[in-house]
Amino acid sequence: MLRFFRRSDEQTREKTEAAVQKSRGAWFGRIMGILRSSDLDESLWERLEEVLISGDVGVDTSFAIIGGLRKRAQNESLRQPEEVFSALKEELVSVLASNGQSPNGLNGNKSEASPYVILVVGVNGVGKTTSIAKLAAHYQQMGNKVIMAAADTFRPAAIDQLQILGQRVDVDVIAHSQGADPGAVAYDAFKAARARGGEVLIIDTAGRLHTKTNLMEEMKKIRSVVNRLDPQAPHEVLLVLDATIGHNGLAQARAFTEAVSCTGVFLTKLDGTAKGGIALAIKKELGLPIQYIGTGEQIQDIAPFNPEEFIEALLAPVN
């Protein structure tokens, strides 16, 4: 049976704070200062919209958030900076609300059947393979036996990279040779996980440009293979997005979601950008919850996404 123990809240909070440090310092940490130095007039709302847009929340999403905040300030007679600030945080958290998904990124499908299959998709260069190793270590720390499948048989170094990472986290990797059928890799990995008592199977996939039709057909085939083996699989389809590319990543998300029905996002390299507002844009514009964030380059640098902690860290005032 799959186990769902969480790391301590303090660890998650510290990693989240580290991941949004640049975004907070450049944009979002200024919001409290703006509220304290301004009247609740048109210029204030425009300044707040500017901060959100500059932090890559997106124009439409920013307008919607500040529009909702203005109405709330009027309806609830909010006058003090602290009141407006608290209301803004609540508005932002509501955008990121996970619609029943658990805060540690699991979709609630806690079937007794094993393995719990996670299909991981995304274009090359977003940190997909490293993120898979982070996920493997994360589930392993929760007490689960994890298997990884090297179904990216197109990129020459992908299989070797996953095998090296598998050794680092002490997780078995099921692999064929380069150019092999990815569906066959997924099939063998599923069977191996069942035979070895594996509770979690994480499947890597090819990451050629999302505009390539054959890539998307390949994704569909892998999904179909595991679905025939277990009608509930894959239990999750995680889309890995690079936070540093901002809104360009939304086109990737749409394409992959249409092909394989992504259930959530692993947002990588968040610590390397001041555009952390992209998390809000992803949820608002695509309806995909952020399930994990990458908080650094090491295997342990992963945090289950918690909307309240994320917004608290993002908006913490800076001097």
Protein backbone atom coordinates (compact mmCIF):
# COMPACT_ATOMS: atom_id res chain seq x y z
CA MET A 1 0.00 0.00 0.00
CA LEU A 2 1.27 3.46 -0.89
CA ARG A 3 2.47 5.53 2.07
CA PHE A 4 1.88 9.27 2.35
CA PHE A 5 4.00 10.65 5.16
CA ARG A 6 4.97 14.29 4.84
CA ARG A 7 8.25 15.95 5.63
CA SER A 8 8.03 18.43 8.51
CA ASP A 9 6.15 21.65 7.92
CA GLU A 10 9.26 23.59 8.90
CA GLN A 11 11.36 21.91 6.20
CA THR A 12 8.75 22.63 3.55
CA ARG A 13 8.41 26.23 4.69
CA GLU A 14 12.17 26.82 4.60
CA LYS A 15 12.52 25.37 1.12
CA THR A 16 9.56 27.38 -0.18
CA GLU A 17 11.01 30.59 1.26
CA ALA A 18 14.35 29.89 -0.39
CA ALA A 19 12.68 29.17 -3.74
CA VAL A 20 10.83 32.51 -3.88
CA GLN A 21 13.61 34.69 -2.50
CA LYS A 22 14.38 36.38 -5.82
CA SER A 23 10.72 36.93 -6.67
CA ARG A 24 10.04 38.37 -3.24
CA GLY A 25 13.05 40.66 -3.35
CA ALA A 26 12.38 41.99 -6.83
CA TRP A 27 8.61 42.44 -6.78
CA PHE A 28 6.21 40.87 -4.34
CA GLY A 29 7.96 41.88 -1.13
CA ARG A 30 7.31 45.54 -2.00
CA ILE A 31 3.53 45.23 -1.80
CA MET A 32 3.15 45.97 1.91
CA GLY A 33 5.30 49.07 1.54
CA ILE A 34 3.15 50.27 -1.36
CA LEU A 35 -0.02 49.82 0.69
CA ARG A 36 1.40 51.72 3.66
CA SER A 37 2.56 54.65 1.52
CA SER A 38 -0.58 55.05 -0.60
CA ASP A 39 -4.24 55.90 -0.35
CA LEU A 40 -6.82 53.43 -1.59
CA ASP A 41 -7.25 55.20 -4.91
CA GLU A 42 -6.90 54.39 -8.59
CA SER A 43 -3.14 54.86 -8.57
CA LEU A 44 -2.76 52.25 -5.82
CA TRP A 45 -4.65 49.58 -7.75
CA GLU A 46 -2.57 50.36 -10.84
CA ARG A 47 0.67 50.02 -8.86
CA LEU A 48 -0.45 46.66 -7.50
CA GLU A 49 -1.35 45.47 -11.00
CA GLU A 50 2.09 46.56 -12.17
CA VAL A 51 3.81 44.54 -9.46
CA LEU A 52 1.85 41.39 -10.32
CA ILE A 53 2.41 41.78 -14.06
CA SER A 54 6.13 42.43 -13.54
CA GLY A 55 6.34 39.25 -11.45
CA ASP A 56 4.91 37.26 -14.40
CA VAL A 57 1.44 36.69 -13.00
CA GLY A 58 0.14 37.73 -16.43
CA VAL A 59 -1.93 40.68 -17.56
CA ASP A 60 -5.38 39.05 -17.52
CA THR A 61 -4.74 37.20 -14.27
CA SER A 62 -3.36 40.33 -12.59
CA PHE A 63 -6.37 42.41 -13.67
CA ALA A 64 -8.74 39.73 -12.38
CA ILE A 65 -6.97 39.49 -9.00
CA ILE A 66 -6.80 43.24 -8.39
CA GLY A 67 -10.35 43.68 -9.69
CA GLY A 68 -11.57 41.16 -7.13
CA LEU A 69 -9.53 42.86 -4.41
CA ARG A 70 -11.01 46.27 -5.22
CA LYS A 71 -14.55 44.93 -4.97
CA ARG A 72 -13.76 43.23 -1.70
CA ALA A 73 -12.19 46.39 -0.25
CA GLN A 74 -15.32 48.31 -1.17
CA ASN A 75 -17.82 45.70 0.02
CA GLU A 76 -16.02 45.02 3.29
CA SER A 77 -14.98 48.66 3.90
CA LEU A 78 -11.29 47.77 4.08
CA ARG A 79 -9.22 50.86 4.85
CA GLN A 80 -6.09 49.83 6.72
CA PRO A 81 -3.02 48.56 4.80
CA GLU A 82 -2.95 45.41 6.90
CA GLU A 83 -6.57 44.65 6.04
CA VAL A 84 -5.99 45.06 2.30
CA PHE A 85 -2.75 43.06 2.49
CA SER A 86 -4.51 40.19 4.26
CA ALA A 87 -7.32 40.26 1.70
CA LEU A 88 -4.82 40.21 -1.16
CA LYS A 89 -3.10 37.14 0.27
CA GLU A 90 -6.47 35.41 0.53
CA GLU A 91 -7.26 36.31 -3.08
CA LEU A 92 -3.92 34.89 -4.26
CA VAL A 93 -4.32 31.71 -2.22
CA SER A 94 -7.78 31.23 -3.72
CA VAL A 95 -6.26 31.38 -7.22
CA LEU A 96 -3.85 28.59 -6.26
CA ALA A 97 -6.46 26.48 -4.46
CA SER A 98 -5.92 22.87 -5.42
CA ASN A 99 -9.57 21.83 -5.70
CA GLY A 100 -9.39 18.89 -3.33
CA GLN A 101 -5.85 17.80 -4.16
CA SER A 102 -3.84 17.03 -1.08
CA PRO A 103 -1.13 19.56 -0.14
CA ASN A 104 1.70 17.12 -0.80
CA GLY A 105 0.86 16.83 -4.48
CA LEU A 106 -0.98 13.52 -4.37
CA ASN A 107 -4.23 13.32 -6.24
CA GLY A 108 -6.10 11.40 -3.60
CA ASN A 109 -6.32 8.16 -5.61
CA LYS A 110 -4.99 5.87 -2.89
CA SER A 111 -5.77 2.56 -4.52
CA GLU A 112 -4.60 -0.64 -2.88
CA ALA A 113 -3.29 -1.70 -6.29
CA SER A 114 0.40 -1.26 -6.97
CA PRO A 115 2.24 0.36 -8.47
CA TYR A 116 1.06 3.96 -8.22
CA VAL A 117 2.04 5.23 -11.68
CA ILE A 118 3.32 8.76 -12.28
CA LEU A 119 3.89 9.73 -15.91
CA VAL A 120 6.26 12.69 -16.19
CA VAL A 121 6.20 14.85 -19.32
CA GLY A 122 7.79 18.08 -20.53
CA VAL A 123 10.15 19.45 -23.15
CA ASN A 124 13.92 19.02 -23.01
CA GLY A 125 15.86 21.42 -20.83
CA VAL A 126 13.25 22.01 -18.13
CA GLY A 127 14.94 19.72 -15.59
CA LYS A 128 12.59 16.78 -16.13
CA THR A 129 15.00 13.93 -15.45
CA THR A 130 16.42 15.56 -12.33
CA SER A 131 12.87 16.23 -11.12
CA ILE A 132 12.06 12.54 -11.53
CA ALA A 133 14.99 11.65 -9.30
CA LYS A 134 13.80 14.20 -6.74
CA LEU A 135 10.32 12.65 -6.83
CA ALA A 136 11.80 9.18 -6.42
CA ALA A 137 13.79 10.25 -3.37
CA HIS A 138 10.73 12.05 -1.98
CA TYR A 139 8.49 8.96 -2.23
CA GLN A 140 11.26 6.73 -0.97
CA GLN A 141 11.62 8.91 2.14
CA MET A 142 7.90 8.34 2.76
CA GLY A 143 8.62 4.63 3.01
CA ASN A 144 7.70 3.48 -0.50
CA LYS A 145 9.64 1.19 -2.82
CA VAL A 146 10.16 3.19 -6.01
CA ILE A 147 10.95 2.08 -9.57
CA MET A 148 11.92 4.47 -12.38
CA ALA A 149 11.38 3.80 -16.08
CA ALA A 150 13.70 5.29 -18.71
CA ALA A 151 11.09 5.68 -21.46
CA ASP A 152 12.86 8.65 -23.05
CA THR A 153 14.60 6.46 -25.59
CA PHE A 154 15.10 9.30 -28.08
CA ARG A 155 17.62 11.58 -26.37
CA PRO A 156 21.05 9.85 -26.36
CA ALA A 157 22.01 10.75 -22.80
CA ALA A 158 18.58 10.38 -21.19
CA ILE A 159 18.88 6.69 -20.29
CA ASP A 160 22.39 7.07 -18.87
CA GLN A 161 21.38 10.16 -16.92
CA LEU A 162 18.42 8.44 -15.29
CA GLN A 163 20.51 5.36 -14.45
CA ILE A 164 23.17 7.53 -12.79
CA LEU A 165 20.52 9.37 -10.80
CA GLY A 166 18.91 6.05 -9.91
CA GLN A 167 22.19 4.90 -8.38
CA ARG A 168 22.45 8.14 -6.39
CA VAL A 169 19.01 7.71 -4.84
CA ASP A 170 19.24 3.90 -4.66
CA VAL A 171 16.26 3.29 -6.94
CA ASP A 172 16.02 0.60 -9.65
CA VAL A 173 15.79 1.88 -13.23
CA ILE A 174 14.14 -0.19 -15.95
CA ALA A 175 15.67 0.64 -19.32
CA HIS A 176 16.04 -0.61 -22.89
CA SER A 177 18.54 0.56 -25.47
CA GLN A 178 18.39 3.93 -27.19
CA GLY A 179 15.74 3.99 -29.91
CA ALA A 180 13.64 1.26 -28.29
CA ASP A 181 9.85 1.48 -28.15
CA PRO A 182 8.96 3.70 -25.15
CA GLY A 183 5.70 1.80 -24.71
CA ALA A 184 7.64 -1.43 -24.29
CA VAL A 185 9.82 0.20 -21.64
CA ALA A 186 6.74 1.36 -19.75
CA TYR A 187 5.21 -2.14 -20.03
CA ASP A 188 8.33 -3.87 -18.71
CA ALA A 189 8.73 -1.31 -15.94
CA PHE A 190 5.16 -1.83 -14.77
CA LYS A 191 5.61 -5.60 -14.73
CA ALA A 192 8.93 -5.25 -12.91
CA ALA A 193 7.38 -2.96 -10.31
CA ARG A 194 4.62 -5.49 -9.65
CA ALA A 195 7.10 -8.37 -9.45
CA ARG A 196 9.47 -6.51 -7.11
CA GLY A 197 6.81 -5.09 -4.82
CA GLY A 198 7.23 -1.59 -6.14
CA GLU A 199 4.68 0.85 -4.78
CA VAL A 200 5.54 3.83 -7.00
CA LEU A 201 6.50 3.73 -10.69
CA ILE A 202 7.80 7.00 -12.17
CA ILE A 203 8.06 7.04 -15.97
CA ASP A 204 10.37 9.42 -17.81
CA THR A 205 9.32 10.38 -21.34
CA ALA A 206 10.84 12.05 -24.37
CA GLY A 207 10.94 15.83 -24.40
CA ARG A 208 11.31 16.93 -27.98
CA LEU A 209 9.49 20.12 -28.95
CA HIS A 210 5.85 20.02 -27.92
CA THR A 211 4.83 20.99 -31.47
CA LYS A 212 6.02 17.64 -32.81
CA THR A 213 3.01 15.45 -33.56
CA ASN A 214 4.94 12.19 -33.24
CA LEU A 215 6.05 13.11 -29.72
CA MET A 216 2.48 13.64 -28.59
CA GLU A 217 1.41 10.35 -30.17
CA GLU A 218 4.24 8.69 -28.26
CA MET A 219 2.96 10.20 -25.00
CA LYS A 220 -0.53 8.89 -25.75
CA LYS A 221 0.86 5.43 -26.47
CA ILE A 222 2.72 5.23 -23.15
CA ARG A 223 -0.40 6.34 -21.33
CA SER A 224 -2.44 3.72 -23.17
CA VAL A 225 0.03 0.95 -22.32
CA VAL A 226 -0.07 1.54 -18.57
CA ASN A 227 -3.83 2.08 -18.69
CA ARG A 228 -4.29 -1.39 -20.17
CA LEU A 229 -2.24 -2.83 -17.32
CA ASP A 230 -4.19 -0.89 -14.69
CA PRO A 231 -7.41 0.94 -15.70
CA GLN A 232 -6.67 3.64 -13.11
CA ALA A 233 -3.14 4.28 -14.36
CA PRO A 234 -1.45 6.60 -14.78
CA HIS A 235 -2.61 7.92 -11.45
CA GLU A 236 -0.83 11.21 -12.08
CA VAL A 237 0.54 12.94 -15.18
CA LEU A 238 2.99 15.55 -14.01
CA LEU A 239 4.04 18.29 -16.41
CA VAL A 240 7.50 19.67 -15.66
CA LEU A 241 7.72 23.40 -16.39
CA ASP A 242 10.73 25.69 -16.09
CA ALA A 243 9.78 28.78 -14.06
CA THR A 244 12.49 30.84 -15.73
CA ILE A 245 10.80 30.75 -19.16
CA GLY A 246 7.62 32.30 -17.82
CA HIS A 247 4.58 32.51 -20.04
CA ASN A 248 6.28 30.63 -22.86
CA GLY A 249 5.71 27.57 -20.72
CA LEU A 250 1.95 27.94 -20.93
CA ALA A 251 1.95 26.87 -24.58
CA GLN A 252 3.82 23.72 -23.53
CA ALA A 253 1.29 23.07 -20.81
CA ARG A 254 -1.65 23.38 -23.18
CA ALA A 255 -0.13 21.01 -25.74
CA PHE A 256 0.78 18.31 -23.24
CA THR A 257 -2.52 18.62 -21.38
CA GLU A 258 -4.44 18.13 -24.61
CA ALA A 259 -2.38 15.06 -25.46
CA VAL A 260 -2.17 13.23 -22.14
CA SER A 261 -4.50 15.05 -19.71
CA CYS A 262 -1.94 16.39 -17.26
CA THR A 263 -3.08 16.40 -13.64
CA GLY A 264 -0.54 18.81 -12.19
CA VAL A 265 2.73 20.68 -12.52
CA PHE A 266 6.22 20.26 -11.13
CA LEU A 267 7.61 23.80 -11.33
CA THR A 268 11.40 23.72 -11.57
CA LYS A 269 14.12 26.37 -11.21
CA LEU A 270 11.85 28.63 -9.18
CA ASP A 271 14.85 29.64 -7.09
CA GLY A 272 16.57 30.97 -10.23
CA THR A 273 13.99 33.56 -11.28
CA ALA A 274 12.30 36.73 -10.04
CA LYS A 275 9.19 35.73 -12.01
CA GLY A 276 7.62 33.44 -9.44
CA GLY A 277 4.18 34.77 -10.27
CA ILE A 278 4.08 32.26 -13.12
CA ALA A 279 2.68 29.78 -10.57
CA LEU A 280 -0.49 31.89 -10.35
CA ALA A 281 -0.74 32.21 -14.13
CA ILE A 282 -0.45 28.43 -14.58
CA LYS A 283 -3.25 27.71 -12.15
CA LYS A 284 -5.50 30.56 -13.27
CA GLU A 285 -5.12 30.12 -17.03
CA LEU A 286 -4.74 26.35 -17.28
CA GLY A 287 -6.52 25.01 -14.22
CA LEU A 288 -3.51 22.81 -13.42
CA PRO A 289 -2.47 22.75 -9.76
CA ILE A 290 1.17 23.16 -8.85
CA GLN A 291 2.05 19.96 -7.00
CA TYR A 292 5.79 20.33 -6.44
CA ILE A 293 8.38 23.06 -6.73
CA GLY A 294 12.10 22.71 -7.33
CA THR A 295 14.03 24.65 -4.71
CA GLY A 296 17.62 24.07 -5.81
CA GLU A 297 19.96 21.76 -7.68
CA GLN A 298 20.36 18.96 -5.13
CA ILE A 299 18.22 15.81 -5.04
CA GLN A 300 16.65 16.87 -1.75
CA ASP A 301 15.69 20.29 -3.15
CA ILE A 302 11.99 19.62 -3.65
CA ALA A 303 8.99 20.94 -1.78
CA PRO A 304 5.38 19.75 -1.97
CA PHE A 305 3.43 22.82 -3.00
CA ASN A 306 1.31 24.48 -0.35
CA PRO A 307 -0.61 27.58 -1.57
CA GLU A 308 -0.76 29.28 1.84
CA GLU A 309 2.94 28.82 2.54
CA PHE A 310 3.85 29.87 -0.99
CA ILE A 311 1.92 33.15 -0.80
CA GLU A 312 3.14 33.92 2.72
CA ALA A 313 6.73 33.45 1.56
CA LEU A 314 6.23 35.31 -1.71
CA LEU A 315 4.65 38.41 -0.12
CA ALA A 316 6.81 38.61 3.00
CA PRO A 317 7.81 42.31 3.20
CA VAL A 318 11.36 43.31 2.33
CA ASN A 319 13.17 46.40 3.58
